[in-house]
Each structure stands twice: as structure tokens, then as C-alpha cells.
Amino acid sequence: MTITATTVALDSVVEAGDGALVSVPTGGRLRIVDLHGNQAVDTLFYDAHDIDNRYSAFDTIREQRAVFLTTGSRLISTRLDELAVITDDTCGRHDTVGGACSQESNVIRYGEFTRHQHACRQTFLRYGAVAGIGQRQLAHNINFFMNVPVTSTGGLTFEDGLSAPGKYVEVTASRDLFVLISNCPQVNNPCNGWDPTPIQLLGWW
């Protein structure tokens, strides 16, 4: 049976530093809109019926032989299931190797003064708890709209974003999903233009 997702089921704004847990049924389309431009959106995908079957950056990169994600990218799980497909993308490139910020990594990268700054890992744990998602289920995530070039020596750099106001990325669920989102609060590198801003979530199913 072909599922046509046409009903607007979700229209919400996620403030800078906040998050969301969205249930998306098979065939549903979730669009993330960068309202002001240059805002990283840390995102994890889970099989709604088995949260241990979660997004795998390693398998996604290996299966597609591509380190960046864009239209047509298949988001693969730890069990090699297809969780979702990026079906529309007006930004053009998204990171899946830079990881999510945490208080611990902030201290290592930027100094002791960042120890008590809010970070994506806290947001993931806060919103994921509703679905039973805890520390064990957190993994390498997708950073939608984030620009993390890979250097010729295999290193990573955090650069100004490639996005702009109104740019969006849309995924279509290949199975029932939990989509866990942290609208990144990072202010210590240019991934958010040094000034985190709100995003919009739109869903059709």
C-alpha cells in the first residue's frame, strides 16, 4: 500500500538550546527549517518499536561511500535497516561526523569556563527519556545545516555554516520513528554563527 503523507500533523518552533522528540509514522515527512540561517540541528533517529535499532553514522557513511548527507541519502541503523531517506534539501550538505556537544567535550575543547554551559547531550537525555532513550542509546548524530569539513589529513574543522534563512531539509520515514532533536546551544565555535537561533519543525502524515 502506498502511503501519501498530506495532512499537516506538526508545525512548531524549537527555541535555541531547546529540543524535541517527534514520533513520525512510516511514510511521514519531517521538515526542519533553519529560520535565521547558520543554525546546527543535532538529530538522532530511532526505530520506534526498538530504540536499540538506532541511527548509525558509521554504517550510513560506509553504505553510501559519502561523508556528507544530502538529498537521496539513506539513514541506516545499527542493524543495517533503512530508517529514513533525505528526500528534499535546500542547504546541500550536512555533517554526521562532528558529533554533539557535551559539557565534557566543551571543557576539553574550549576550557574550564564552559563546564556549566548547556549542551546538546543534556537536551537529548531530557527529551529522550520519554521514549526510554538514555545514555546507552546515544550515538553519533546528524548535524543538519552544520559545516564540518574533513581536511586532507583526515581531521575535522568547525566552520561557518552553509545554510541561510529559510533553508530546510526533509526526511521521509522508512519505518515508524522517534526523531530526537537538540537545537544546538553551542556558542564556542561558529557552527551556530556564535548566536544560536530558533528552528521550525513541519510534519505531514
Protein backbone atom coordinates (compact mmCIF):
# COMPACT_ATOMS: atom_id res chain seq x y z
CA MET A 1 0.00 0.00 0.00
CA THR A 2 1.32 3.45 -0.89
CA ILE A 3 1.12 5.96 1.92
CA THR A 4 0.62 9.57 0.88
CA ALA A 5 1.51 12.00 3.66
CA THR A 6 -0.54 15.14 3.03
CA THR A 7 -2.03 16.16 6.38
CA VAL A 8 -0.11 18.80 8.32
CA ALA A 9 0.44 16.98 11.60
CA LEU A 10 3.18 19.15 13.07
CA ASP A 11 4.03 22.84 12.97
CA SER A 12 6.15 24.02 15.88
CA VAL A 13 9.12 26.22 16.71
CA VAL A 14 12.03 24.92 18.78
CA GLU A 15 13.86 27.70 20.55
CA ALA A 16 17.65 27.94 20.61
CA GLY A 17 19.07 25.44 23.08
CA ASP A 18 15.80 23.53 23.40
CA GLY A 19 14.82 20.20 21.86
CA ALA A 20 12.02 17.90 20.78
CA LEU A 21 11.07 14.25 20.46
CA VAL A 22 8.90 13.66 17.39
CA SER A 23 7.05 10.45 16.54
CA VAL A 24 6.97 10.03 12.76
CA PRO A 25 5.00 7.13 11.24
CA THR A 26 6.11 5.13 8.23
CA GLY A 27 5.84 7.34 5.14
CA GLY A 28 5.62 10.52 7.20
CA ARG A 29 7.68 13.55 6.15
CA LEU A 30 9.50 15.69 8.68
CA ARG A 31 10.94 19.03 7.59
CA ILE A 32 13.46 21.00 9.66
CA VAL A 33 13.62 24.68 8.73
CA ASP A 34 16.61 26.88 9.56
CA LEU A 35 14.63 30.05 10.27
CA HIS A 36 17.51 32.51 10.65
CA GLY A 37 20.37 30.65 8.96
CA ASN A 38 23.57 29.05 10.22
CA GLN A 39 21.91 27.03 12.99
CA ALA A 40 23.10 23.48 13.70
CA VAL A 41 20.35 20.98 14.50
CA ASP A 42 21.67 17.84 16.21
CA THR A 43 19.39 14.92 15.35
CA LEU A 44 19.11 11.21 16.15
CA PHE A 45 16.76 8.62 14.62
CA TYR A 46 15.37 5.53 16.37
CA ASP A 47 13.14 2.64 15.36
CA ALA A 48 10.04 3.48 17.41
CA HIS A 49 9.49 -0.21 18.19
CA ASP A 50 13.09 -0.92 19.20
CA ILE A 51 15.16 2.06 20.34
CA ASP A 52 18.35 -0.01 20.27
CA ASN A 53 17.94 -0.09 16.49
CA ARG A 54 19.18 3.47 16.11
CA TYR A 55 20.91 5.68 13.57
CA SER A 56 24.47 4.66 12.76
CA ALA A 57 26.73 7.32 11.27
CA PHE A 58 29.38 4.70 10.52
CA ASP A 59 27.06 2.41 8.57
CA THR A 60 25.39 5.33 6.79
CA ILE A 61 28.76 6.66 5.59
CA ARG A 62 30.05 3.22 4.60
CA GLU A 63 26.93 2.12 2.73
CA GLN A 64 26.84 5.32 0.66
CA ARG A 65 30.57 5.98 0.37
CA ALA A 66 29.90 9.61 1.27
CA VAL A 67 30.85 11.51 4.41
CA PHE A 68 28.24 14.26 3.95
CA LEU A 69 24.47 13.86 3.73
CA THR A 70 22.06 15.42 1.23
CA THR A 71 19.06 14.58 -0.97
CA GLY A 72 18.93 10.83 -1.57
CA SER A 73 20.99 9.88 1.47
CA ARG A 74 19.66 6.78 3.22
CA LEU A 75 19.88 6.92 7.00
CA ILE A 76 21.00 3.46 8.10
CA SER A 77 20.60 1.87 11.53
CA THR A 78 22.97 -0.20 13.63
CA ARG A 79 21.21 -3.29 12.23
CA LEU A 80 21.57 -2.04 8.66
CA ASP A 81 17.88 -1.17 8.34
CA GLU A 82 16.86 1.93 6.43
CA LEU A 83 15.35 4.32 8.96
CA ALA A 84 14.64 7.25 6.66
CA VAL A 85 15.68 8.94 3.43
CA ILE A 86 16.53 12.61 2.90
CA THR A 87 14.01 13.46 0.20
CA ASP A 88 14.42 17.24 -0.03
CA ASP A 89 17.31 19.52 0.88
CA THR A 90 17.81 23.19 0.05
CA CYS A 91 21.03 23.51 2.05
CA GLY A 92 23.03 20.92 0.13
CA ARG A 93 25.30 19.30 2.71
CA HIS A 94 25.01 18.10 6.30
CA ASP A 95 27.53 16.73 8.79
CA THR A 96 27.39 13.36 10.53
CA VAL A 97 30.92 13.06 11.96
CA GLY A 98 31.26 16.13 14.21
CA GLY A 99 29.10 14.70 16.99
CA ALA A 100 27.03 16.51 19.60
CA CYS A 101 28.43 18.97 22.11
CA SER A 102 28.58 17.94 25.75
CA GLN A 103 29.79 19.68 28.88
CA GLU A 104 32.78 17.34 28.97
CA SER A 105 33.84 17.92 25.35
CA ASN A 106 33.33 21.66 25.75
CA VAL A 107 35.81 21.71 28.64
CA ILE A 108 38.38 19.75 26.62
CA ARG A 109 37.99 21.88 23.51
CA TYR A 110 37.37 25.35 24.92
CA GLY A 111 38.35 25.45 28.58
CA GLU A 112 37.10 25.09 32.13
CA PHE A 113 34.86 28.16 31.85
CA THR A 114 32.44 26.16 29.66
CA ARG A 115 31.82 23.39 32.23
CA HIS A 116 28.33 24.55 33.20
CA GLN A 117 27.16 25.69 29.78
CA HIS A 118 24.13 23.83 28.45
CA ALA A 119 24.95 21.27 25.74
CA CYS A 120 23.17 19.02 23.23
CA ARG A 121 23.82 15.85 25.19
CA GLN A 122 21.73 17.20 28.07
CA THR A 123 18.90 18.06 25.68
CA PHE A 124 19.00 14.57 24.15
CA LEU A 125 18.72 12.95 27.58
CA ARG A 126 15.93 15.27 28.71
CA TYR A 127 13.66 14.72 25.72
CA GLY A 128 14.69 11.14 25.02
CA ALA A 129 13.67 9.99 28.49
CA VAL A 130 10.01 10.00 27.44
CA ALA A 131 10.76 7.17 24.99
CA GLY A 132 13.19 5.34 27.27
CA ILE A 133 16.22 6.74 25.46
CA GLY A 134 19.13 7.05 27.88
CA GLN A 135 22.89 7.40 27.75
CA ARG A 136 23.33 3.90 26.31
CA GLN A 137 21.19 4.77 23.29
CA LEU A 138 23.03 7.99 22.41
CA ALA A 139 25.37 7.71 19.45
CA HIS A 140 26.98 9.78 16.70
CA ASN A 141 24.26 12.05 15.40
CA ILE A 142 23.47 14.07 12.30
CA ASN A 143 24.20 17.79 12.48
CA PHE A 144 21.78 19.26 9.99
CA PHE A 145 22.99 22.57 8.48
CA MET A 146 26.38 22.23 10.19
CA ASN A 147 29.59 22.67 8.19
CA VAL A 148 32.39 20.34 9.34
CA PRO A 149 34.92 19.97 6.51
CA VAL A 150 37.24 16.97 6.53
CA THR A 151 40.85 18.01 5.97
CA SER A 152 43.32 16.28 3.66
CA THR A 153 44.89 14.63 6.71
CA GLY A 154 41.57 13.30 7.99
CA GLY A 155 40.98 15.97 10.63
CA LEU A 156 37.81 17.94 11.26
CA THR A 157 37.23 21.68 11.48
CA PHE A 158 34.13 23.56 12.63
CA GLU A 159 33.42 26.32 10.12
CA ASP A 160 30.75 28.89 9.34
CA GLY A 161 27.58 27.22 8.14
CA LEU A 162 26.46 26.85 4.53
CA SER A 163 22.81 27.48 5.34
CA ALA A 164 20.72 30.65 5.13
CA PRO A 165 17.34 31.84 6.46
CA GLY A 166 14.53 29.56 5.27
CA LYS A 167 16.75 26.69 4.11
CA TYR A 168 15.36 23.29 5.05
CA VAL A 169 15.96 19.57 4.99
CA GLU A 170 13.17 17.00 4.75
CA VAL A 171 13.27 13.31 5.62
CA THR A 172 10.74 10.60 4.83
CA ALA A 173 10.39 7.80 7.38
CA SER A 174 11.00 4.28 6.10
CA ARG A 175 9.55 2.86 9.33
CA ASP A 176 7.91 4.22 12.48
CA LEU A 177 10.45 6.53 14.08
CA PHE A 178 11.36 8.57 17.09
CA VAL A 179 13.30 11.63 15.94
CA LEU A 180 15.27 13.20 18.78
CA ILE A 181 16.33 16.81 18.20
CA SER A 182 18.59 19.24 20.01
CA ASN A 183 18.61 22.77 18.62
CA CYS A 184 22.29 23.29 19.38
CA PRO A 185 23.19 25.88 22.06
CA GLN A 186 26.91 25.97 21.18
CA VAL A 187 28.49 29.45 21.41
CA ASN A 188 32.18 28.48 21.47
CA ASN A 189 32.62 27.77 17.75
CA PRO A 190 30.99 29.17 14.58
CA CYS A 191 28.60 26.24 13.99
CA ASN A 192 25.69 28.50 15.04
CA GLY A 193 27.23 31.76 13.88
CA TRP A 194 28.13 32.39 17.55
CA ASP A 195 24.43 33.13 18.14
CA PRO A 196 22.01 30.15 18.39
CA THR A 197 18.55 30.78 16.91
CA PRO A 198 15.15 29.01 16.66
CA ILE A 199 14.16 26.39 14.09
CA GLN A 200 10.78 25.24 12.78
CA LEU A 201 9.53 21.67 12.57
CA LEU A 202 6.89 20.76 9.98
CA GLY A 203 5.40 17.30 9.57
CA TRP A 204 2.99 15.64 7.16
CA TRP A 205 1.45 12.23 7.92
